[in-house]
N, C-alpha and C. Protein backbone atom coordinates (compact mmCIF):
# COMPACT_ATOMS: atom_id res chain seq x y z
N UNK A 1 110.64 -0.15 -114.05
CA UNK A 1 109.23 0.14 -114.19
C UNK A 1 108.73 -0.42 -115.51
N UNK A 2 107.53 -0.93 -115.48
CA UNK A 2 106.89 -1.44 -116.68
C UNK A 2 105.45 -0.97 -116.68
N UNK A 3 104.93 -0.75 -117.88
CA UNK A 3 103.51 -0.41 -117.99
C UNK A 3 102.95 -1.04 -119.24
N UNK A 4 101.65 -1.19 -119.23
CA UNK A 4 100.94 -1.77 -120.37
C UNK A 4 99.74 -0.87 -120.62
N UNK A 5 99.58 -0.46 -121.87
CA UNK A 5 98.49 0.44 -122.24
C UNK A 5 97.38 -0.36 -122.90
N UNK A 6 96.15 -0.08 -122.48
CA UNK A 6 94.98 -0.67 -123.10
C UNK A 6 93.93 0.42 -123.28
N UNK A 7 93.17 0.31 -124.35
CA UNK A 7 92.15 1.32 -124.66
C UNK A 7 90.81 0.59 -124.86
N UNK A 8 90.08 0.40 -123.76
CA UNK A 8 88.78 -0.25 -123.89
C UNK A 8 87.76 0.68 -124.54
N UNK A 9 86.87 0.11 -125.32
CA UNK A 9 85.82 0.87 -125.99
C UNK A 9 84.71 1.18 -125.00
N UNK A 10 84.52 2.46 -124.71
CA UNK A 10 83.50 2.90 -123.76
C UNK A 10 82.12 2.40 -124.15
N UNK A 11 81.83 2.33 -125.44
CA UNK A 11 80.49 1.97 -125.91
C UNK A 11 80.36 0.52 -126.35
N UNK A 12 81.36 -0.29 -126.07
CA UNK A 12 81.29 -1.71 -126.43
C UNK A 12 80.15 -2.37 -125.67
N UNK A 13 79.54 -3.34 -126.30
CA UNK A 13 78.41 -4.03 -125.67
C UNK A 13 78.78 -4.62 -124.31
N UNK A 14 80.01 -5.07 -124.18
CA UNK A 14 80.46 -5.67 -122.92
C UNK A 14 80.67 -4.63 -121.82
N UNK A 15 80.75 -3.36 -122.16
CA UNK A 15 81.00 -2.30 -121.16
C UNK A 15 79.85 -1.33 -120.97
N UNK A 16 78.95 -1.23 -121.93
CA UNK A 16 78.01 -0.12 -121.97
C UNK A 16 77.11 -0.05 -120.73
N UNK A 17 76.67 -1.18 -120.18
CA UNK A 17 75.82 -1.14 -118.99
C UNK A 17 76.52 -0.42 -117.84
N UNK A 18 77.78 -0.75 -117.63
CA UNK A 18 78.53 -0.14 -116.52
C UNK A 18 78.99 1.28 -116.84
N UNK A 19 79.45 1.52 -118.06
CA UNK A 19 79.94 2.86 -118.39
C UNK A 19 78.82 3.88 -118.44
N UNK A 20 77.59 3.44 -118.69
CA UNK A 20 76.45 4.35 -118.68
C UNK A 20 76.14 4.80 -117.25
N UNK A 21 76.51 4.01 -116.27
CA UNK A 21 76.24 4.33 -114.88
C UNK A 21 77.41 5.00 -114.17
N UNK A 22 78.64 4.66 -114.58
CA UNK A 22 79.81 5.12 -113.83
C UNK A 22 80.95 5.47 -114.79
N UNK A 23 81.39 6.72 -114.72
CA UNK A 23 82.50 7.15 -115.56
C UNK A 23 83.76 6.37 -115.19
N UNK A 24 84.53 6.04 -116.18
CA UNK A 24 85.83 5.37 -116.02
C UNK A 24 85.74 3.89 -115.65
N UNK A 25 84.54 3.33 -115.66
CA UNK A 25 84.41 1.93 -115.23
C UNK A 25 85.12 0.97 -116.17
N UNK A 26 85.07 1.20 -117.47
CA UNK A 26 85.77 0.31 -118.40
C UNK A 26 87.28 0.42 -118.23
N UNK A 27 87.77 1.64 -118.02
CA UNK A 27 89.21 1.83 -117.80
C UNK A 27 89.66 1.17 -116.50
N UNK A 28 88.88 1.35 -115.45
CA UNK A 28 89.23 0.73 -114.16
C UNK A 28 89.22 -0.79 -114.25
N UNK A 29 88.23 -1.35 -114.97
CA UNK A 29 88.15 -2.80 -115.14
C UNK A 29 89.36 -3.31 -115.94
N UNK A 30 89.70 -2.59 -117.02
CA UNK A 30 90.84 -2.99 -117.84
C UNK A 30 92.14 -2.93 -117.04
N UNK A 31 92.28 -1.87 -116.22
CA UNK A 31 93.48 -1.73 -115.39
C UNK A 31 93.57 -2.88 -114.38
N UNK A 32 92.45 -3.21 -113.76
CA UNK A 32 92.44 -4.32 -112.79
C UNK A 32 92.81 -5.64 -113.47
N UNK A 33 92.32 -5.85 -114.68
CA UNK A 33 92.67 -7.07 -115.43
C UNK A 33 94.16 -7.12 -115.74
N UNK A 34 94.76 -5.97 -116.07
CA UNK A 34 96.20 -5.93 -116.36
C UNK A 34 97.02 -6.23 -115.12
N UNK A 35 96.56 -5.75 -113.96
CA UNK A 35 97.28 -6.02 -112.71
C UNK A 35 97.29 -7.52 -112.44
N UNK A 36 96.16 -8.18 -112.67
CA UNK A 36 96.09 -9.63 -112.49
C UNK A 36 96.98 -10.33 -113.51
N UNK A 37 96.90 -9.91 -114.77
CA UNK A 37 97.67 -10.53 -115.84
C UNK A 37 99.17 -10.46 -115.58
N UNK A 38 99.63 -9.33 -115.09
CA UNK A 38 101.07 -9.14 -114.88
C UNK A 38 101.45 -9.21 -113.41
N UNK A 39 100.68 -9.91 -112.61
CA UNK A 39 100.92 -10.00 -111.18
C UNK A 39 102.31 -10.50 -110.84
N UNK A 40 102.84 -11.47 -111.58
CA UNK A 40 104.16 -12.01 -111.30
C UNK A 40 105.27 -10.99 -111.54
N UNK A 41 104.99 -10.01 -112.36
CA UNK A 41 105.98 -8.97 -112.68
C UNK A 41 106.32 -8.10 -111.48
N UNK A 42 105.40 -8.03 -110.51
CA UNK A 42 105.60 -7.15 -109.36
C UNK A 42 106.78 -7.57 -108.48
N UNK A 43 107.25 -8.80 -108.64
CA UNK A 43 108.41 -9.26 -107.87
C UNK A 43 109.69 -8.56 -108.32
N UNK A 44 109.72 -8.15 -109.60
CA UNK A 44 110.96 -7.55 -110.12
C UNK A 44 110.78 -6.15 -110.70
N UNK A 45 109.54 -5.71 -110.87
CA UNK A 45 109.27 -4.43 -111.50
C UNK A 45 108.17 -3.68 -110.76
N UNK A 46 108.15 -2.38 -110.96
CA UNK A 46 106.99 -1.59 -110.58
C UNK A 46 106.10 -1.61 -111.81
N UNK A 47 104.90 -2.12 -111.67
CA UNK A 47 104.00 -2.21 -112.82
C UNK A 47 102.84 -1.25 -112.65
N UNK A 48 102.58 -0.47 -113.69
CA UNK A 48 101.44 0.45 -113.70
C UNK A 48 100.61 0.20 -114.94
N UNK A 49 99.34 -0.14 -114.75
CA UNK A 49 98.46 -0.27 -115.91
C UNK A 49 98.02 1.11 -116.38
N UNK A 50 97.98 1.30 -117.67
CA UNK A 50 97.50 2.54 -118.27
C UNK A 50 96.28 2.17 -119.10
N UNK A 51 95.13 2.63 -118.66
CA UNK A 51 93.88 2.34 -119.38
C UNK A 51 93.18 3.66 -119.66
N UNK A 52 92.90 3.87 -120.95
CA UNK A 52 92.22 5.09 -121.39
C UNK A 52 91.04 4.64 -122.25
N UNK A 53 89.85 4.99 -121.80
CA UNK A 53 88.67 4.62 -122.58
C UNK A 53 88.61 5.43 -123.88
N UNK A 54 87.92 4.88 -124.87
CA UNK A 54 87.80 5.59 -126.14
C UNK A 54 87.09 6.93 -125.98
N UNK A 55 86.30 7.09 -124.92
CA UNK A 55 85.63 8.37 -124.66
C UNK A 55 86.57 9.35 -123.96
N UNK A 56 87.75 8.88 -123.56
CA UNK A 56 88.75 9.78 -123.02
C UNK A 56 89.01 9.72 -121.54
N UNK A 57 88.30 8.89 -120.78
CA UNK A 57 88.57 8.81 -119.34
C UNK A 57 89.76 7.89 -119.07
N UNK A 58 90.55 8.29 -118.07
CA UNK A 58 91.80 7.60 -117.72
C UNK A 58 91.64 6.94 -116.35
N UNK A 59 92.28 5.79 -116.16
CA UNK A 59 92.31 5.22 -114.81
C UNK A 59 93.31 6.03 -113.97
N UNK A 60 93.16 5.96 -112.66
CA UNK A 60 93.92 6.82 -111.76
C UNK A 60 95.43 6.61 -111.87
N UNK A 61 95.90 5.37 -111.96
CA UNK A 61 97.35 5.15 -112.03
C UNK A 61 97.94 5.72 -113.33
N UNK A 62 97.15 5.73 -114.39
CA UNK A 62 97.60 6.33 -115.65
C UNK A 62 97.77 7.83 -115.50
N UNK A 63 96.80 8.46 -114.86
CA UNK A 63 96.89 9.91 -114.63
C UNK A 63 98.13 10.23 -113.81
N UNK A 64 98.34 9.47 -112.75
CA UNK A 64 99.50 9.72 -111.88
C UNK A 64 100.82 9.51 -112.62
N UNK A 65 100.87 8.49 -113.48
CA UNK A 65 102.09 8.25 -114.26
C UNK A 65 102.38 9.40 -115.21
N UNK A 66 101.38 9.85 -115.95
CA UNK A 66 101.58 10.95 -116.89
C UNK A 66 101.93 12.24 -116.15
N UNK A 67 101.32 12.47 -115.00
CA UNK A 67 101.67 13.65 -114.21
C UNK A 67 103.12 13.60 -113.75
N UNK A 68 103.57 12.43 -113.33
CA UNK A 68 104.97 12.29 -112.88
C UNK A 68 105.94 12.49 -114.04
N UNK A 69 105.63 11.91 -115.19
CA UNK A 69 106.48 12.12 -116.37
C UNK A 69 106.51 13.60 -116.72
N UNK A 70 105.35 14.25 -116.67
CA UNK A 70 105.28 15.68 -116.95
C UNK A 70 106.10 16.50 -115.97
N UNK A 71 106.06 16.14 -114.68
CA UNK A 71 106.87 16.84 -113.67
C UNK A 71 108.35 16.69 -113.96
N UNK A 72 108.74 15.51 -114.37
CA UNK A 72 110.17 15.28 -114.65
C UNK A 72 110.63 16.03 -115.90
N UNK A 73 109.76 16.11 -116.90
CA UNK A 73 110.09 16.90 -118.10
C UNK A 73 110.20 18.38 -117.71
N UNK A 74 109.27 18.84 -116.88
CA UNK A 74 109.29 20.23 -116.42
C UNK A 74 110.57 20.54 -115.66
N UNK A 75 111.05 19.60 -114.87
CA UNK A 75 112.29 19.80 -114.12
C UNK A 75 113.48 20.05 -115.06
N UNK A 76 113.44 19.44 -116.23
CA UNK A 76 114.52 19.62 -117.20
C UNK A 76 114.33 20.87 -118.04
N UNK A 77 113.10 21.07 -118.53
CA UNK A 77 112.84 22.18 -119.46
C UNK A 77 112.46 23.49 -118.77
N UNK A 78 112.03 23.37 -117.51
CA UNK A 78 111.53 24.52 -116.73
C UNK A 78 110.27 25.14 -117.34
N UNK A 79 109.58 24.39 -118.18
CA UNK A 79 108.31 24.83 -118.76
C UNK A 79 107.19 24.15 -117.98
N UNK A 80 106.43 24.92 -117.23
CA UNK A 80 105.40 24.35 -116.36
C UNK A 80 104.21 23.78 -117.13
N UNK A 81 104.18 23.96 -118.44
CA UNK A 81 103.06 23.45 -119.25
C UNK A 81 103.30 22.04 -119.78
N UNK A 82 104.42 21.45 -119.45
CA UNK A 82 104.79 20.15 -120.02
C UNK A 82 103.76 19.05 -119.76
N UNK A 83 103.21 18.99 -118.56
CA UNK A 83 102.21 17.96 -118.25
C UNK A 83 100.98 18.14 -119.12
N UNK A 84 100.55 19.38 -119.28
CA UNK A 84 99.38 19.66 -120.12
C UNK A 84 99.67 19.26 -121.56
N UNK A 85 100.86 19.60 -122.05
CA UNK A 85 101.23 19.24 -123.42
C UNK A 85 101.23 17.72 -123.60
N UNK A 86 101.73 17.01 -122.61
CA UNK A 86 101.78 15.55 -122.68
C UNK A 86 100.37 14.96 -122.75
N UNK A 87 99.48 15.43 -121.88
CA UNK A 87 98.09 14.96 -121.94
C UNK A 87 97.44 15.31 -123.27
N UNK A 88 97.73 16.49 -123.82
CA UNK A 88 97.16 16.88 -125.11
C UNK A 88 97.65 15.97 -126.22
N UNK A 89 98.94 15.68 -126.24
CA UNK A 89 99.50 14.79 -127.28
C UNK A 89 98.87 13.40 -127.21
N UNK A 90 98.73 12.88 -126.00
CA UNK A 90 98.14 11.55 -125.85
C UNK A 90 96.65 11.56 -126.20
N UNK A 91 95.96 12.64 -125.89
CA UNK A 91 94.54 12.75 -126.25
C UNK A 91 94.35 12.81 -127.76
N UNK A 92 95.24 13.50 -128.44
CA UNK A 92 95.18 13.56 -129.90
C UNK A 92 95.44 12.18 -130.50
N UNK A 93 96.39 11.45 -129.93
CA UNK A 93 96.66 10.08 -130.40
C UNK A 93 95.42 9.21 -130.22
N UNK A 94 94.71 9.38 -129.10
CA UNK A 94 93.49 8.63 -128.86
C UNK A 94 92.43 8.99 -129.90
N UNK A 95 92.28 10.28 -130.19
CA UNK A 95 91.29 10.71 -131.18
C UNK A 95 91.62 10.18 -132.57
N UNK A 96 92.90 10.15 -132.91
CA UNK A 96 93.30 9.59 -134.21
C UNK A 96 92.96 8.10 -134.28
N UNK A 97 93.23 7.39 -133.20
CA UNK A 97 92.88 5.97 -133.15
C UNK A 97 91.39 5.74 -133.26
N UNK A 98 90.61 6.59 -132.60
CA UNK A 98 89.15 6.49 -132.71
C UNK A 98 88.69 6.73 -134.14
N UNK A 99 89.30 7.71 -134.81
CA UNK A 99 88.92 8.01 -136.20
C UNK A 99 89.23 6.84 -137.11
N UNK A 100 90.38 6.22 -136.93
CA UNK A 100 90.74 5.06 -137.75
C UNK A 100 89.76 3.91 -137.51
N UNK A 101 89.43 3.68 -136.25
CA UNK A 101 88.49 2.61 -135.92
C UNK A 101 87.11 2.90 -136.51
N UNK A 102 86.68 4.15 -136.44
CA UNK A 102 85.38 4.51 -136.99
C UNK A 102 85.36 4.34 -138.50
N UNK A 103 86.40 4.82 -139.17
CA UNK A 103 86.45 4.70 -140.63
C UNK A 103 86.45 3.25 -141.09
N UNK A 104 87.04 2.38 -140.29
CA UNK A 104 87.09 0.96 -140.63
C UNK A 104 85.70 0.32 -140.60
N UNK A 105 84.75 0.96 -139.91
CA UNK A 105 83.40 0.40 -139.83
C UNK A 105 82.54 0.77 -141.03
N UNK A 106 82.99 1.73 -141.82
CA UNK A 106 82.21 2.17 -142.97
C UNK A 106 82.42 1.23 -144.15
N UNK A 107 81.37 0.97 -144.89
CA UNK A 107 81.47 0.14 -146.08
C UNK A 107 82.19 0.92 -147.17
N UNK A 108 83.01 0.24 -147.93
CA UNK A 108 83.70 0.88 -149.06
C UNK A 108 82.65 1.18 -150.13
N UNK A 109 82.75 2.35 -150.69
CA UNK A 109 81.79 2.78 -151.72
C UNK A 109 82.28 2.39 -153.08
């Protein structure tokens, strides 16, 4: 199995027209682009694109992948909250990345 993670900016000028009309459109577009980019990989691997918009929406295959990983962790730990914990950890990582990107836009004083 192989996956590639991309985080498109929900409010980027190239996405804003579509994301204003339809939730997850930037993530779905990014995931579709990754499938095309890694199309040759499907002969030897299971490929899943993981696209999470900066606003926090996930493409469907990413959700399914994280849910499956969470189920497998739960099978080992017997803690039914593992999937929720995994989504929380990844959401915090996204928020930290957003904060770094935002701070980089500020002029140094």
